[in-house]
Amino acid sequence: MGHWDDDSEPFVGSNMRSYSHFLLHSSRFGSYLSHRGLRTSFAYIKNRTPVRIHHIFHVSHARQDRHLDDLQASFALVERFISDEDIPVMPWNFRYAPDRLAQWQSLAYLD
């Protein structure tokens, strides 16, 4: 085990829940591994990088000092798509926002 200072405490997720989907700004996002979330499991992160959402979690940690609020976090585990520069340019690249359009390999992910 690790060494802890006197005023620190180890983070132990005492309550962890998994969800099939969630709503954010009226948009639904789902977990690829859940039947209820499969159809909404694709999203964008960091400057429009496409990802597939695998898991959605909410975890809480009860503090040792009862006067302090519990620590809580919601997060998702995602898998990024692999970009491919060899995919031909699509015809709409020139009519719409060409600097914001990119092509990605279907069902190919980074390790």
PDB file of N, CA and C in Angstrom:
ATOM      1  N   MET A   1       0.830  -1.184   0.000  1.00  0.00           N
ATOM      2  CA  MET A   1       0.000   0.000   0.000  1.00  0.00           C
ATOM      3  C   MET A   1       0.875   1.248   0.000  1.00  0.00           C
ATOM      4  N   GLY A   2       0.257   2.365  -0.296  1.00  0.00           N
ATOM      5  CA  GLY A   2       0.980   3.624  -0.363  1.00  0.00           C
ATOM      6  C   GLY A   2       1.097   4.295   0.994  1.00  0.00           C
ATOM      7  N   HIS A   3       1.894   5.321   1.028  1.00  0.00           N
ATOM      8  CA  HIS A   3       2.077   6.128   2.235  1.00  0.00           C
ATOM      9  C   HIS A   3       1.149   7.334   2.157  1.00  0.00           C
ATOM     10  N   TRP A   4       0.427   7.614   3.228  1.00  0.00           N
ATOM     11  CA  TRP A   4      -0.523   8.727   3.256  1.00  0.00           C
ATOM     12  C   TRP A   4      -0.103   9.731   4.314  1.00  0.00           C
ATOM     13  N   ASP A   5      -0.221  11.010   4.000  1.00  0.00           N
ATOM     14  CA  ASP A   5       0.016  12.053   5.001  1.00  0.00           C
ATOM     15  C   ASP A   5      -1.101  11.995   6.039  1.00  0.00           C
ATOM     16  N   ASP A   6      -0.870  12.651   7.174  1.00  0.00           N
ATOM     17  CA  ASP A   6      -1.869  12.628   8.241  1.00  0.00           C
ATOM     18  C   ASP A   6      -3.185  13.277   7.838  1.00  0.00           C
ATOM     19  N   ASP A   7      -3.130  14.297   6.978  1.00  0.00           N
ATOM     20  CA  ASP A   7      -4.364  15.000   6.624  1.00  0.00           C
ATOM     21  C   ASP A   7      -4.975  14.508   5.303  1.00  0.00           C
ATOM     22  N   SER A   8      -4.473  13.415   4.740  1.00  0.00           N
ATOM     23  CA  SER A   8      -5.028  12.901   3.488  1.00  0.00           C
ATOM     24  C   SER A   8      -5.812  11.622   3.759  1.00  0.00           C
ATOM     25  N   GLU A   9      -6.557  11.215   2.751  1.00  0.00           N
ATOM     26  CA  GLU A   9      -7.315   9.975   2.862  1.00  0.00           C
ATOM     27  C   GLU A   9      -7.357   9.302   1.499  1.00  0.00           C
ATOM     28  N   PRO A  10      -7.322   7.989   1.472  1.00  0.00           N
ATOM     29  CA  PRO A  10      -7.372   7.291   0.182  1.00  0.00           C
ATOM     30  C   PRO A  10      -8.772   7.405  -0.431  1.00  0.00           C
ATOM     31  N   PHE A  11      -8.814   7.525  -1.741  1.00  0.00           N
ATOM     32  CA  PHE A  11     -10.102   7.566  -2.428  1.00  0.00           C
ATOM     33  C   PHE A  11     -10.582   6.144  -2.638  1.00  0.00           C
ATOM     34  N   VAL A  12     -11.726   5.838  -2.055  1.00  0.00           N
ATOM     35  CA  VAL A  12     -12.343   4.526  -2.205  1.00  0.00           C
ATOM     36  C   VAL A  12     -13.755   4.776  -2.717  1.00  0.00           C
ATOM     37  N   GLY A  13     -14.012   4.358  -3.940  1.00  0.00           N
ATOM     38  CA  GLY A  13     -15.351   4.538  -4.495  1.00  0.00           C
ATOM     39  C   GLY A  13     -16.339   3.667  -3.750  1.00  0.00           C
ATOM     40  N   SER A  14     -17.069   4.251  -2.816  1.00  0.00           N
ATOM     41  CA  SER A  14     -17.982   3.466  -1.982  1.00  0.00           C
ATOM     42  C   SER A  14     -19.322   3.231  -2.665  1.00  0.00           C
ATOM     43  N   ASN A  15     -19.595   3.992  -3.707  1.00  0.00           N
ATOM     44  CA  ASN A  15     -20.864   3.833  -4.405  1.00  0.00           C
ATOM     45  C   ASN A  15     -20.618   4.124  -5.881  1.00  0.00           C
ATOM     46  N   MET A  16     -20.627   3.086  -6.702  1.00  0.00           N
ATOM     47  CA  MET A  16     -20.378   3.251  -8.135  1.00  0.00           C
ATOM     48  C   MET A  16     -21.549   2.682  -8.910  1.00  0.00           C
ATOM     49  N   ARG A  17     -22.123   3.530  -9.776  1.00  0.00           N
ATOM     50  CA  ARG A  17     -23.263   3.102 -10.581  1.00  0.00           C
ATOM     51  C   ARG A  17     -22.914   3.210 -12.054  1.00  0.00           C
ATOM     52  N   SER A  18     -23.434   2.282 -12.835  1.00  0.00           N
ATOM     53  CA  SER A  18     -23.257   2.287 -14.279  1.00  0.00           C
ATOM     54  C   SER A  18     -24.597   2.632 -14.915  1.00  0.00           C
ATOM     55  N   TYR A  19     -24.566   3.432 -15.997  1.00  0.00           N
ATOM     56  CA  TYR A  19     -25.798   3.872 -16.652  1.00  0.00           C
ATOM     57  C   TYR A  19     -25.789   3.498 -18.131  1.00  0.00           C
ATOM     58  N   SER A  20     -26.966   3.293 -18.686  1.00  0.00           N
ATOM     59  CA  SER A  20     -27.095   2.984 -20.110  1.00  0.00           C
ATOM     60  C   SER A  20     -27.027   4.244 -20.955  1.00  0.00           C
ATOM     61  N   HIS A  21     -27.411   5.393 -20.393  1.00  0.00           N
ATOM     62  CA  HIS A  21     -27.419   6.649 -21.145  1.00  0.00           C
ATOM     63  C   HIS A  21     -27.525   7.834 -20.182  1.00  0.00           C
ATOM     64  N   PHE A  22     -27.315   9.037 -20.727  1.00  0.00           N
ATOM     65  CA  PHE A  22     -27.516  10.262 -19.957  1.00  0.00           C
ATOM     66  C   PHE A  22     -27.895  11.375 -20.919  1.00  0.00           C
ATOM     67  N   LEU A  23     -28.463  12.444 -20.385  1.00  0.00           N
ATOM     68  CA  LEU A  23     -28.837  13.615 -21.172  1.00  0.00           C
ATOM     69  C   LEU A  23     -27.913  14.772 -20.807  1.00  0.00           C
ATOM     70  N   LEU A  24     -27.422  15.475 -21.836  1.00  0.00           N
ATOM     71  CA  LEU A  24     -26.576  16.639 -21.626  1.00  0.00           C
ATOM     72  C   LEU A  24     -27.019  17.706 -22.614  1.00  0.00           C
ATOM     73  N   HIS A  25     -27.518  18.821 -22.106  1.00  0.00           N
ATOM     74  CA  HIS A  25     -28.009  19.918 -22.954  1.00  0.00           C
ATOM     75  C   HIS A  25     -29.031  19.409 -23.975  1.00  0.00           C
ATOM     76  N   SER A  26     -29.974  18.609 -23.526  1.00  0.00           N
ATOM     77  CA  SER A  26     -31.054  18.046 -24.347  1.00  0.00           C
ATOM     78  C   SER A  26     -30.570  17.056 -25.405  1.00  0.00           C
ATOM     79  N   SER A  27     -29.334  16.606 -25.326  1.00  0.00           N
ATOM     80  CA  SER A  27     -28.824  15.576 -26.232  1.00  0.00           C
ATOM     81  C   SER A  27     -28.608  14.296 -25.444  1.00  0.00           C
ATOM     82  N   ARG A  28     -29.003  13.179 -26.038  1.00  0.00           N
ATOM     83  CA  ARG A  28     -28.875  11.886 -25.376  1.00  0.00           C
ATOM     84  C   ARG A  28     -27.578  11.213 -25.821  1.00  0.00           C
ATOM     85  N   PHE A  29     -26.832  10.674 -24.864  1.00  0.00           N
ATOM     86  CA  PHE A  29     -25.616   9.925 -25.118  1.00  0.00           C
ATOM     87  C   PHE A  29     -25.753   8.577 -24.421  1.00  0.00           C
ATOM     88  N   GLY A  30     -25.340   7.492 -25.084  1.00  0.00           N
ATOM     89  CA  GLY A  30     -25.531   6.166 -24.521  1.00  0.00           C
ATOM     90  C   GLY A  30     -24.269   5.331 -24.502  1.00  0.00           C
ATOM     91  N   SER A  31     -24.348   4.235 -23.780  1.00  0.00           N
ATOM     92  CA  SER A  31     -23.253   3.280 -23.683  1.00  0.00           C
ATOM     93  C   SER A  31     -23.382   2.254 -24.806  1.00  0.00           C
ATOM     94  N   TYR A  32     -22.287   2.033 -25.533  1.00  0.00           N
ATOM     95  CA  TYR A  32     -22.269   1.072 -26.628  1.00  0.00           C
ATOM     96  C   TYR A  32     -22.582  -0.342 -26.136  1.00  0.00           C
ATOM     97  N   LEU A  33     -22.245  -0.640 -24.899  1.00  0.00           N
ATOM     98  CA  LEU A  33     -22.428  -1.986 -24.353  1.00  0.00           C
ATOM     99  C   LEU A  33     -23.805  -2.199 -23.739  1.00  0.00           C
ATOM    100  N   SER A  34     -24.694  -1.232 -23.884  1.00  0.00           N
ATOM    101  CA  SER A  34     -26.050  -1.344 -23.354  1.00  0.00           C
ATOM    102  C   SER A  34     -27.051  -1.267 -24.506  1.00  0.00           C
ATOM    103  N   HIS A  35     -28.044  -2.125 -24.483  1.00  0.00           N
ATOM    104  CA  HIS A  35     -29.066  -2.109 -25.537  1.00  0.00           C
ATOM    105  C   HIS A  35     -29.765  -0.753 -25.618  1.00  0.00           C
ATOM    106  N   ARG A  36     -30.043  -0.147 -24.468  1.00  0.00           N
ATOM    107  CA  ARG A  36     -30.728   1.154 -24.441  1.00  0.00           C
ATOM    108  C   ARG A  36     -29.841   2.314 -24.870  1.00  0.00           C
ATOM    109  N   GLY A  37     -28.523   2.131 -24.873  1.00  0.00           N
ATOM    110  CA  GLY A  37     -27.630   3.216 -25.225  1.00  0.00           C
ATOM    111  C   GLY A  37     -26.912   3.047 -26.546  1.00  0.00           C
ATOM    112  N   LEU A  38     -27.035   1.878 -27.161  1.00  0.00           N
ATOM    113  CA  LEU A  38     -26.280   1.552 -28.372  1.00  0.00           C
ATOM    114  C   LEU A  38     -26.472   2.561 -29.495  1.00  0.00           C
ATOM    115  N   ARG A  39     -27.686   2.995 -29.744  1.00  0.00           N
ATOM    116  CA  ARG A  39     -27.963   3.878 -30.880  1.00  0.00           C
ATOM    117  C   ARG A  39     -27.459   5.307 -30.675  1.00  0.00           C
ATOM    118  N   THR A  40     -27.111   5.670 -29.457  1.00  0.00           N
ATOM    119  CA  THR A  40     -26.625   7.029 -29.182  1.00  0.00           C
ATOM    120  C   THR A  40     -25.219   7.006 -28.577  1.00  0.00           C
ATOM    121  N   SER A  41     -24.435   6.000 -28.921  1.00  0.00           N
ATOM    122  CA  SER A  41     -23.128   5.816 -28.287  1.00  0.00           C
ATOM    123  C   SER A  41     -21.976   6.504 -29.022  1.00  0.00           C
ATOM    124  N   PHE A  42     -22.264   7.242 -30.078  1.00  0.00           N
ATOM    125  CA  PHE A  42     -21.204   7.950 -30.801  1.00  0.00           C
ATOM    126  C   PHE A  42     -21.250   9.432 -30.458  1.00  0.00           C
ATOM    127  N   ALA A  43     -20.087  10.017 -30.229  1.00  0.00           N
ATOM    128  CA  ALA A  43     -20.018  11.422 -29.806  1.00  0.00           C
ATOM    129  C   ALA A  43     -18.704  12.026 -30.289  1.00  0.00           C
ATOM    130  N   TYR A  44     -18.506  13.311 -29.966  1.00  0.00           N
ATOM    131  CA  TYR A  44     -17.265  14.018 -30.293  1.00  0.00           C
ATOM    132  C   TYR A  44     -16.650  14.556 -29.009  1.00  0.00           C
ATOM    133  N   ILE A  45     -15.315  14.530 -28.943  1.00  0.00           N
ATOM    134  CA  ILE A  45     -14.571  15.124 -27.841  1.00  0.00           C
ATOM    135  C   ILE A  45     -13.449  15.965 -28.427  1.00  0.00           C
ATOM    136  N   LYS A  46     -12.852  16.839 -27.634  1.00  0.00           N
ATOM    137  CA  LYS A  46     -11.629  17.572 -27.975  1.00  0.00           C
ATOM    138  C   LYS A  46     -11.546  17.977 -29.440  1.00  0.00           C
ATOM    139  N   ASN A  47     -12.107  19.071 -29.772  1.00  0.00           N
ATOM    140  CA  ASN A  47     -11.968  19.615 -31.116  1.00  0.00           C
ATOM    141  C   ASN A  47     -12.554  18.679 -32.182  1.00  0.00           C
ATOM    142  N   ARG A  48     -13.700  18.098 -31.899  1.00  0.00           N
ATOM    143  CA  ARG A  48     -14.456  17.290 -32.863  1.00  0.00           C
ATOM    144  C   ARG A  48     -13.783  15.970 -33.225  1.00  0.00           C
ATOM    145  N   THR A  49     -13.184  15.288 -32.263  1.00  0.00           N
ATOM    146  CA  THR A  49     -12.638  13.959 -32.467  1.00  0.00           C
ATOM    147  C   THR A  49     -13.749  12.944 -32.180  1.00  0.00           C
ATOM    148  N   PRO A  50     -14.101  12.091 -33.159  1.00  0.00           N
ATOM    149  CA  PRO A  50     -15.194  11.140 -32.937  1.00  0.00           C
ATOM    150  C   PRO A  50     -14.780   9.997 -32.009  1.00  0.00           C
ATOM    151  N   VAL A  51     -15.707   9.597 -31.139  1.00  0.00           N
ATOM    152  CA  VAL A  51     -15.470   8.510 -30.197  1.00  0.00           C
ATOM    153  C   VAL A  51     -16.711   7.634 -30.084  1.00  0.00           C
ATOM    154  N   ARG A  52     -16.507   6.444 -29.553  1.00  0.00           N
ATOM    155  CA  ARG A  52     -17.612   5.564 -29.191  1.00  0.00           C
ATOM    156  C   ARG A  52     -17.600   5.435 -27.670  1.00  0.00           C
ATOM    157  N   ILE A  53     -18.725   5.672 -27.031  1.00  0.00           N
ATOM    158  CA  ILE A  53     -18.847   5.609 -25.566  1.00  0.00           C
ATOM    159  C   ILE A  53     -19.067   4.156 -25.156  1.00  0.00           C
ATOM    160  N   HIS A  54     -18.163   3.622 -24.341  1.00  0.00           N
ATOM    161  CA  HIS A  54     -18.298   2.236 -23.888  1.00  0.00           C
ATOM    162  C   HIS A  54     -19.060   2.128 -22.571  1.00  0.00           C
ATOM    163  N   HIS A  55     -18.696   2.940 -21.599  1.00  0.00           N
ATOM    164  CA  HIS A  55     -19.314   2.876 -20.271  1.00  0.00           C
ATOM    165  C   HIS A  55     -19.615   4.286 -19.781  1.00  0.00           C
ATOM    166  N   ILE A  56     -20.664   4.402 -18.964  1.00  0.00           N
ATOM    167  CA  ILE A  56     -21.017   5.663 -18.299  1.00  0.00           C
ATOM    168  C   ILE A  56     -21.149   5.352 -16.816  1.00  0.00           C
ATOM    169  N   PHE A  57     -20.409   6.079 -15.975  1.00  0.00           N
ATOM    170  CA  PHE A  57     -20.379   5.810 -14.542  1.00  0.00           C
ATOM    171  C   PHE A  57     -20.653   7.066 -13.722  1.00  0.00           C
ATOM    172  N   HIS A  58     -21.130   6.850 -12.506  1.00  0.00           N
ATOM    173  CA  HIS A  58     -21.179   7.884 -11.481  1.00  0.00           C
ATOM    174  C   HIS A  58     -20.648   7.233 -10.207  1.00  0.00           C
ATOM    175  N   VAL A  59     -19.640   7.861  -9.596  1.00  0.00           N
ATOM    176  CA  VAL A  59     -19.016   7.303  -8.396  1.00  0.00           C
ATOM    177  C   VAL A  59     -19.020   8.356  -7.291  1.00  0.00           C
ATOM    178  N   SER A  60     -19.193   7.900  -6.055  1.00  0.00           N
ATOM    179  CA  SER A  60     -19.123   8.810  -4.912  1.00  0.00           C
ATOM    180  C   SER A  60     -18.210   8.208  -3.845  1.00  0.00           C
ATOM    181  N   HIS A  61     -17.637   9.090  -3.049  1.00  0.00           N
ATOM    182  CA  HIS A  61     -16.695   8.701  -1.999  1.00  0.00           C
ATOM    183  C   HIS A  61     -17.108   9.396  -0.711  1.00  0.00           C
ATOM    184  N   ALA A  62     -17.438   8.610   0.303  1.00  0.00           N
ATOM    185  CA  ALA A  62     -17.801   9.173   1.608  1.00  0.00           C
ATOM    186  C   ALA A  62     -16.516   9.634   2.307  1.00  0.00           C
ATOM    187  N   ARG A  63     -16.487  10.904   2.693  1.00  0.00           N
ATOM    188  CA  ARG A  63     -15.302  11.481   3.330  1.00  0.00           C
ATOM    189  C   ARG A  63     -15.168  10.979   4.762  1.00  0.00           C
ATOM    190  N   GLN A  64     -13.942  10.901   5.253  1.00  0.00           N
ATOM    191  CA  GLN A  64     -13.694  10.493   6.636  1.00  0.00           C
ATOM    192  C   GLN A  64     -14.188  11.565   7.606  1.00  0.00           C
ATOM    193  N   ASP A  65     -14.046  12.813   7.206  1.00  0.00           N
ATOM    194  CA  ASP A  65     -14.554  13.921   8.013  1.00  0.00           C
ATOM    195  C   ASP A  65     -16.022  14.134   7.637  1.00  0.00           C
ATOM    196  N   ARG A  66     -16.941  13.812   8.519  1.00  0.00           N
ATOM    197  CA  ARG A  66     -18.371  13.872   8.231  1.00  0.00           C
ATOM    198  C   ARG A  66     -18.867  15.297   7.979  1.00  0.00           C
ATOM    199  N   HIS A  67     -18.070  16.311   8.313  1.00  0.00           N
ATOM    200  CA  HIS A  67     -18.462  17.696   8.071  1.00  0.00           C
ATOM    201  C   HIS A  67     -18.244  18.099   6.607  1.00  0.00           C
ATOM    202  N   LEU A  68     -17.501  17.292   5.876  1.00  0.00           N
ATOM    203  CA  LEU A  68     -17.235  17.577   4.472  1.00  0.00           C
ATOM    204  C   LEU A  68     -18.206  16.815   3.580  1.00  0.00           C
ATOM    205  N   ASP A  69     -18.591  17.409   2.472  1.00  0.00           N
ATOM    206  CA  ASP A  69     -19.479  16.739   1.520  1.00  0.00           C
ATOM    207  C   ASP A  69     -18.753  15.577   0.855  1.00  0.00           C
ATOM    208  N   ASP A  70     -19.530  14.582   0.429  1.00  0.00           N
ATOM    209  CA  ASP A  70     -18.966  13.457  -0.311  1.00  0.00           C
ATOM    210  C   ASP A  70     -18.371  13.949  -1.627  1.00  0.00           C
ATOM    211  N   LEU A  71     -17.319  13.280  -2.081  1.00  0.00           N
ATOM    212  CA  LEU A  71     -16.759  13.559  -3.403  1.00  0.00           C
ATOM    213  C   LEU A  71     -17.554  12.758  -4.424  1.00  0.00           C
ATOM    214  N   GLN A  72     -17.938  13.388  -5.533  1.00  0.00           N
ATOM    215  CA  GLN A  72     -18.726  12.719  -6.556  1.00  0.00           C
ATOM    216  C   GLN A  72     -18.194  13.067  -7.933  1.00  0.00           C
ATOM    217  N   ALA A  73     -18.296  12.108  -8.849  1.00  0.00           N
ATOM    218  CA  ALA A  73     -17.865  12.356 -10.230  1.00  0.00           C
ATOM    219  C   ALA A  73     -18.678  11.487 -11.176  1.00  0.00           C
ATOM    220  N   SER A  74     -19.037  12.054 -12.316  1.00  0.00           N
ATOM    221  CA  SER A  74     -19.652  11.308 -13.411  1.00  0.00           C
ATOM    222  C   SER A  74     -18.654  11.300 -14.556  1.00  0.00           C
ATOM    223  N   PHE A  75     -18.477  10.166 -15.200  1.00  0.00           N
ATOM    224  CA  PHE A  75     -17.507  10.084 -16.286  1.00  0.00           C
ATOM    225  C   PHE A  75     -17.868   8.953 -17.241  1.00  0.00           C
ATOM    226  N   ALA A  76     -17.253   8.985 -18.402  1.00  0.00           N
ATOM    227  CA  ALA A  76     -17.475   7.961 -19.419  1.00  0.00           C
ATOM    228  C   ALA A  76     -16.134   7.430 -19.904  1.00  0.00           C
ATOM    229  N   LEU A  77     -16.087   6.155 -20.220  1.00  0.00           N
ATOM    230  CA  LEU A  77     -14.921   5.556 -20.856  1.00  0.00           C
ATOM    231  C   LEU A  77     -15.213   5.508 -22.347  1.00  0.00           C
ATOM    232  N   VAL A  78     -14.332   6.115 -23.142  1.00  0.00           N
ATOM    233  CA  VAL A  78     -14.566   6.230 -24.579  1.00  0.00           C
ATOM    234  C   VAL A  78     -13.397   5.642 -25.366  1.00  0.00           C
ATOM    235  N   GLU A  79     -13.650   5.358 -26.642  1.00  0.00           N
ATOM    236  CA  GLU A  79     -12.643   4.837 -27.551  1.00  0.00           C
ATOM    237  C   GLU A  79     -12.634   5.724 -28.798  1.00  0.00           C
ATOM    238  N   ARG A  80     -11.459   6.270 -29.150  1.00  0.00           N
ATOM    239  CA  ARG A  80     -11.361   7.179 -30.290  1.00  0.00           C
ATOM    240  C   ARG A  80     -11.279   6.408 -31.609  1.00  0.00           C
ATOM    241  N   PHE A  81     -11.856   6.987 -32.658  1.00  0.00           N
ATOM    242  CA  PHE A  81     -11.731   6.440 -34.003  1.00  0.00           C
ATOM    243  C   PHE A  81     -10.344   6.776 -34.558  1.00  0.00           C
ATOM    244  N   ILE A  82      -9.889   6.001 -35.525  1.00  0.00           N
ATOM    245  CA  ILE A  82      -8.631   6.255 -36.203  1.00  0.00           C
ATOM    246  C   ILE A  82      -8.926   7.096 -37.441  1.00  0.00           C
ATOM    247  N   SER A  83      -8.194   8.199 -37.610  1.00  0.00           N
ATOM    248  CA  SER A  83      -8.386   9.013 -38.804  1.00  0.00           C
ATOM    249  C   SER A  83      -7.607   8.393 -39.959  1.00  0.00           C
ATOM    250  N   ASP A  84      -8.037   8.721 -41.168  1.00  0.00           N
ATOM    251  CA  ASP A  84      -7.391   8.166 -42.350  1.00  0.00           C
ATOM    252  C   ASP A  84      -7.283   9.247 -43.409  1.00  0.00           C
ATOM    253  N   GLU A  85      -6.058   9.617 -43.775  1.00  0.00           N
ATOM    254  CA  GLU A  85      -5.827  10.658 -44.775  1.00  0.00           C
ATOM    255  C   GLU A  85      -6.054  10.147 -46.197  1.00  0.00           C
ATOM    256  N   ASP A  86      -6.146   8.828 -46.409  1.00  0.00           N
ATOM    257  CA  ASP A  86      -6.288   8.260 -47.747  1.00  0.00           C
ATOM    258  C   ASP A  86      -7.736   8.138 -48.213  1.00  0.00           C
ATOM    259  N   ILE A  87      -8.692   8.473 -47.383  1.00  0.00           N
ATOM    260  CA  ILE A  87     -10.092   8.419 -47.802  1.00  0.00           C
ATOM    261  C   ILE A  87     -10.321   9.567 -48.784  1.00  0.00           C
ATOM    262  N   PRO A  88     -10.971   9.310 -49.908  1.00  0.00           N
ATOM    263  CA  PRO A  88     -11.146  10.383 -50.899  1.00  0.00           C
ATOM    264  C   PRO A  88     -11.982  11.537 -50.356  1.00  0.00           C
ATOM    265  N   VAL A  89     -11.735  12.714 -50.913  1.00  0.00           N
ATOM    266  CA  VAL A  89     -12.456  13.915 -50.518  1.00  0.00           C
ATOM    267  C   VAL A  89     -13.917  13.769 -50.933  1.00  0.00           C
ATOM    268  N   MET A  90     -14.811  14.083 -50.027  1.00  0.00           N
ATOM    269  CA  MET A  90     -16.237  14.005 -50.322  1.00  0.00           C
ATOM    270  C   MET A  90     -16.685  15.257 -51.066  1.00  0.00           C
ATOM    271  N   PRO A  91     -17.678  15.153 -51.956  1.00  0.00           N
ATOM    272  CA  PRO A  91     -18.082  16.308 -52.765  1.00  0.00           C
ATOM    273  C   PRO A  91     -18.568  17.502 -51.954  1.00  0.00           C
ATOM    274  N   TRP A  92     -19.145  17.278 -50.813  1.00  0.00           N
ATOM    275  CA  TRP A  92     -19.650  18.394 -50.016  1.00  0.00           C
ATOM    276  C   TRP A  92     -18.537  19.125 -49.272  1.00  0.00           C
ATOM    277  N   ASN A  93     -17.293  18.618 -49.319  1.00  0.00           N
ATOM    278  CA  ASN A  93     -16.167  19.306 -48.693  1.00  0.00           C
ATOM    279  C   ASN A  93     -16.013  20.736 -49.205  1.00  0.00           C
ATOM    280  N   PHE A  94     -16.274  20.972 -50.472  1.00  0.00           N
ATOM    281  CA  PHE A  94     -16.038  22.270 -51.079  1.00  0.00           C
ATOM    282  C   PHE A  94     -17.215  23.215 -50.929  1.00  0.00           C
ATOM    283  N   ARG A  95     -18.421  22.699 -50.760  1.00  0.00           N
ATOM    284  CA  ARG A  95     -19.602  23.558 -50.664  1.00  0.00           C
ATOM    285  C   ARG A  95     -19.892  23.998 -49.239  1.00  0.00           C
ATOM    286  N   TYR A  96     -19.501  23.199 -48.278  1.00  0.00           N
ATOM    287  CA  TYR A  96     -19.783  23.528 -46.885  1.00  0.00           C
ATOM    288  C   TYR A  96     -18.470  23.809 -46.174  1.00  0.00           C
ATOM    289  N   ALA A  97     -18.371  23.596 -44.905  1.00  0.00           N
ATOM    290  CA  ALA A  97     -17.180  23.954 -44.121  1.00  0.00           C
ATOM    291  C   ALA A  97     -16.041  22.953 -44.344  1.00  0.00           C
ATOM    292  N   PRO A  98     -15.191  23.149 -45.365  1.00  0.00           N
ATOM    293  CA  PRO A  98     -14.143  22.155 -45.650  1.00  0.00           C
ATOM    294  C   PRO A  98     -13.107  22.019 -44.547  1.00  0.00           C
ATOM    295  N   ASP A  99     -12.863  23.074 -43.782  1.00  0.00           N
ATOM    296  CA  ASP A  99     -11.867  22.986 -42.715  1.00  0.00           C
ATOM    297  C   ASP A  99     -12.394  22.265 -41.482  1.00  0.00           C
ATOM    298  N   ARG A 100     -13.670  21.986 -41.443  1.00  0.00           N
ATOM    299  CA  ARG A 100     -14.253  21.313 -40.266  1.00  0.00           C
ATOM    300  C   ARG A 100     -14.695  19.894 -40.568  1.00  0.00           C
ATOM    301  N   LEU A 101     -14.475  19.416 -41.777  1.00  0.00           N
ATOM    302  CA  LEU A 101     -14.919  18.089 -42.166  1.00  0.00           C
ATOM    303  C   LEU A 101     -13.728  17.148 -42.202  1.00  0.00           C
ATOM    304  N   ALA A 102     -13.891  15.945 -41.691  1.00  0.00           N
ATOM    305  CA  ALA A 102     -12.835  14.942 -41.732  1.00  0.00           C
ATOM    306  C   ALA A 102     -13.476  13.587 -41.954  1.00  0.00           C
ATOM    307  N   GLN A 103     -12.708  12.667 -42.479  1.00  0.00           N
ATOM    308  CA  GLN A 103     -13.193  11.317 -42.700  1.00  0.00           C
ATOM    309  C   GLN A 103     -12.513  10.388 -41.703  1.00  0.00           C
ATOM    310  N   TRP A 104     -13.247   9.344 -41.295  1.00  0.00           N
ATOM    311  CA  TRP A 104     -12.736   8.411 -40.304  1.00  0.00           C
ATOM    312  C   TRP A 104     -13.013   6.996 -40.765  1.00  0.00           C
ATOM    313  N   GLN A 105     -12.152   6.073 -40.371  1.00  0.00           N
ATOM    314  CA  GLN A 105     -12.361   4.672 -40.712  1.00  0.00           C
ATOM    315  C   GLN A 105     -13.535   4.132 -39.913  1.00  0.00           C
ATOM    316  N   SER A 106     -14.401   3.385 -40.585  1.00  0.00           N
ATOM    317  CA  SER A 106     -15.572   2.819 -39.922  1.00  0.00           C
ATOM    318  C   SER A 106     -15.160   1.692 -38.985  1.00  0.00           C
ATOM    319  N   LEU A 107     -15.554   1.796 -37.727  1.00  0.00           N
ATOM    320  CA  LEU A 107     -15.318   0.786 -36.693  1.00  0.00           C
ATOM    321  C   LEU A 107     -13.842   0.451 -36.517  1.00  0.00           C
ATOM    322  N   ALA A 108     -12.951   1.418 -36.723  1.00  0.00           N
ATOM    323  CA  ALA A 108     -11.513   1.250 -36.449  1.00  0.00           C
ATOM    324  C   ALA A 108     -11.156   2.202 -35.321  1.00  0.00           C
ATOM    325  N   TYR A 109     -10.569   1.684 -34.256  1.00  0.00           N
ATOM    326  CA  TYR A 109     -10.323   2.468 -33.053  1.00  0.00           C
ATOM    327  C   TYR A 109      -8.854   2.431 -32.663  1.00  0.00           C
ATOM    328  N   LEU A 110      -8.408   3.452 -31.940  1.00  0.00           N
ATOM    329  CA  LEU A 110      -7.054   3.459 -31.392  1.00  0.00           C
ATOM    330  C   LEU A 110      -6.969   2.493 -30.229  1.00  0.00           C
ATOM    331  N   ASP A 111      -5.824   1.899 -30.038  1.00  0.00           N
ATOM    332  CA  ASP A 111      -5.635   0.976 -28.908  1.00  0.00           C
ATOM    333  C   ASP A 111      -5.330   1.718 -27.653  1.00  0.00           C
TER     334      ASP A 111
END
